[in-house]
Amino acid sequence: MAGLPPGDPQLVSMIVNHLKTQGLFDQFRRDCLADVDTKPAYLNLKQRVDNFVSNHLSNHTWSPHLNKNQLRNNIRQLVLQSGMLEQGVDRIVAQVVDPKINHIFRPQVERVVREFLSPGSCSEEPPAPLPSTETKPDSSIPEQGTHIVSLYQP
């Protein structure tokens, strides 16, 4: 492990597996799912999908011979092809995940990575950041939407 350079796929895989065994991804998932149904992006997407499905179903007449599975699959394909899910999920991520990346997820991931790379030499709390008198953006902080694993790749 010590001989692997930063960003090496084997090292990244080992770190990701360690994060998983620590339960960090499950915790992040729970934190995000707890917030998702209160965000405007989710409520908007849910309403758009509900309206889309209702409009589509209004064009069909129910009968006992109606193939519900085929109709369901057809609606699923139409929703996917419409692009509304992709746009909606991007907005949900922007409202739920992005605000947590730098203030909640990143410090926890960095702590676990430090413990993984140097077991026993890390304190429980990361060092406090030095107060900055400048207001220029920190280039070490990723843009919104940056994948968490990419934080540790060169």
Protein backbone atom coordinates (compact mmCIF):
# COMPACT_ATOMS: atom_id res chain seq x y z
CA MET A 1 0.00 0.00 0.00
CA ALA A 2 2.76 2.46 0.93
CA GLY A 3 4.36 2.01 -2.50
CA LEU A 4 1.23 2.86 -4.47
CA PRO A 5 1.11 6.39 -5.90
CA PRO A 6 -1.89 8.66 -5.22
CA GLY A 7 -4.65 7.96 -7.73
CA ASP A 8 -3.48 4.40 -8.40
CA PRO A 9 -6.61 2.35 -9.20
CA GLN A 10 -5.62 -0.36 -6.71
CA LEU A 11 -5.13 2.20 -3.92
CA VAL A 12 -8.41 3.93 -4.79
CA SER A 13 -10.20 0.57 -4.73
CA MET A 14 -8.69 -0.27 -1.34
CA ILE A 15 -9.72 3.11 0.08
CA VAL A 16 -13.26 2.83 -1.31
CA ASN A 17 -13.61 -0.67 0.17
CA HIS A 18 -12.34 0.66 3.51
CA LEU A 19 -14.89 3.50 3.38
CA LYS A 20 -17.60 0.93 2.70
CA THR A 21 -16.54 -1.29 5.61
CA GLN A 22 -16.64 1.77 7.88
CA GLY A 23 -20.28 2.28 6.84
CA LEU A 24 -19.60 5.76 5.48
CA PHE A 25 -21.43 5.31 2.17
CA ASP A 26 -24.46 3.88 3.97
CA GLN A 27 -24.46 6.84 6.35
CA PHE A 28 -24.21 9.30 3.45
CA ARG A 29 -27.05 7.51 1.64
CA ARG A 30 -29.27 7.64 4.75
CA ASP A 31 -28.48 11.33 5.31
CA CYS A 32 -29.37 12.20 1.72
CA LEU A 33 -32.49 10.06 1.54
CA ALA A 34 -33.77 11.64 4.76
CA ASP A 35 -33.66 15.06 3.06
CA VAL A 36 -34.71 14.24 -0.48
CA ASP A 37 -38.50 14.22 -0.16
CA THR A 38 -38.57 17.72 1.33
CA LYS A 39 -36.63 19.41 -1.47
CA PRO A 40 -38.38 21.37 -4.23
CA ALA A 41 -36.52 19.48 -6.98
CA TYR A 42 -37.91 16.14 -5.78
CA LEU A 43 -41.43 17.49 -5.34
CA ASN A 44 -41.29 19.08 -8.81
CA LEU A 45 -40.01 15.86 -10.42
CA LYS A 46 -42.67 13.78 -8.66
CA GLN A 47 -45.39 16.15 -9.86
CA ARG A 48 -44.03 16.15 -13.44
CA VAL A 49 -43.88 12.34 -13.57
CA ASP A 50 -47.35 12.02 -12.02
CA ASN A 51 -48.78 14.46 -14.59
CA PHE A 52 -46.99 12.72 -17.46
CA VAL A 53 -48.34 9.32 -16.40
CA SER A 54 -51.86 10.69 -15.82
CA ASN A 55 -51.91 12.32 -19.26
CA HIS A 56 -50.69 9.13 -20.90
CA LEU A 57 -53.23 6.98 -19.07
CA SER A 58 -56.06 9.36 -19.99
CA ASN A 59 -55.53 8.29 -23.62
CA HIS A 60 -56.21 4.65 -22.77
CA THR A 61 -59.53 3.06 -22.01
CA TRP A 62 -59.48 0.48 -19.29
CA SER A 63 -60.71 -2.97 -20.16
CA PRO A 64 -60.27 -6.36 -18.51
CA HIS A 65 -58.14 -7.38 -21.51
CA LEU A 66 -55.73 -4.47 -21.14
CA ASN A 67 -52.16 -5.70 -20.82
CA LYS A 68 -51.12 -3.74 -17.73
CA ASN A 69 -47.52 -4.93 -17.80
CA GLN A 70 -47.07 -3.79 -21.39
CA LEU A 71 -48.70 -0.45 -20.61
CA ARG A 72 -46.48 -0.02 -17.53
CA ASN A 73 -43.33 -0.81 -19.52
CA ASN A 74 -44.43 1.56 -22.28
CA ILE A 75 -44.92 4.39 -19.78
CA ARG A 76 -41.55 3.62 -18.18
CA GLN A 77 -39.85 3.86 -21.58
CA LEU A 78 -41.62 7.12 -22.42
CA VAL A 79 -40.62 8.66 -19.08
CA LEU A 80 -37.00 7.61 -19.61
CA GLN A 81 -36.96 8.92 -23.18
CA SER A 82 -38.47 12.26 -22.13
CA GLY A 83 -35.29 13.21 -20.24
CA MET A 84 -37.27 14.52 -17.27
CA LEU A 85 -35.73 11.97 -14.90
CA GLU A 86 -32.17 12.88 -15.82
CA GLN A 87 -32.80 16.60 -15.39
CA GLY A 88 -34.79 16.05 -12.22
CA VAL A 89 -32.17 13.82 -10.62
CA ASP A 90 -29.44 16.35 -11.45
CA ARG A 91 -31.47 19.03 -9.67
CA ILE A 92 -32.10 16.73 -6.69
CA VAL A 93 -28.37 16.03 -6.41
CA ALA A 94 -27.68 19.77 -6.57
CA GLN A 95 -30.14 20.41 -3.73
CA VAL A 96 -29.41 17.39 -1.52
CA VAL A 97 -25.88 16.11 -2.09
CA ASP A 98 -23.85 19.10 -3.28
CA PRO A 99 -24.42 21.22 -0.13
CA LYS A 100 -23.18 18.33 2.02
CA ILE A 101 -20.04 17.47 0.05
CA ASN A 102 -17.59 20.03 1.45
CA HIS A 103 -18.98 20.45 4.95
CA ILE A 104 -20.15 16.96 5.90
CA PHE A 105 -18.93 14.25 3.52
CA ARG A 106 -15.45 15.48 2.67
CA PRO A 107 -14.19 15.89 6.27
CA GLN A 108 -15.46 12.42 7.18
CA VAL A 109 -13.93 10.84 4.09
CA GLU A 110 -10.63 12.64 4.67
CA ARG A 111 -10.51 11.44 8.28
CA VAL A 112 -11.12 7.81 7.30
CA VAL A 113 -8.60 8.04 4.45
CA ARG A 114 -5.97 9.49 6.81
CA GLU A 115 -6.65 6.68 9.28
CA PHE A 116 -6.38 4.13 6.46
CA LEU A 117 -3.13 5.52 5.08
CA SER A 118 -1.51 6.10 8.49
CA PRO A 119 -3.19 3.85 11.09
CA GLY A 120 -2.62 4.96 14.66
CA SER A 121 -0.98 8.26 13.76
CA CYS A 122 -4.15 10.32 13.27
CA SER A 123 -6.01 12.16 15.99
CA GLU A 124 -9.78 11.86 16.15
CA GLU A 125 -10.34 15.40 14.96
CA PRO A 126 -8.78 16.81 11.79
CA PRO A 127 -6.66 19.92 12.29
CA ALA A 128 -8.70 23.09 12.36
CA PRO A 129 -8.36 25.16 9.19
CA LEU A 130 -6.42 28.38 9.56
CA PRO A 131 -8.56 31.50 9.38
CA SER A 132 -8.26 33.15 6.01
CA THR A 133 -8.28 36.87 5.47
CA GLU A 134 -8.71 36.47 1.73
CA THR A 135 -12.00 35.66 0.04
CA LYS A 136 -10.62 33.96 -3.06
CA PRO A 137 -12.06 30.48 -3.72
CA ASP A 138 -10.13 27.50 -2.40
CA SER A 139 -8.81 25.55 -5.39
CA SER A 140 -8.61 22.40 -3.26
CA ILE A 141 -12.39 22.38 -2.86
CA PRO A 142 -14.03 20.63 -5.79
CA GLU A 143 -16.77 22.14 -7.89
CA GLN A 144 -20.34 21.10 -7.13
CA GLY A 145 -21.10 17.64 -8.44
CA THR A 146 -17.50 16.40 -8.20
CA HIS A 147 -17.41 12.70 -7.49
CA ILE A 148 -16.14 12.09 -3.95
CA VAL A 149 -13.53 9.53 -5.03
CA SER A 150 -11.99 12.04 -7.42
CA LEU A 151 -10.96 14.11 -4.40
CA TYR A 152 -8.10 11.69 -3.87
CA GLN A 153 -6.94 11.33 -7.45
CA PRO A 154 -4.27 13.66 -8.87
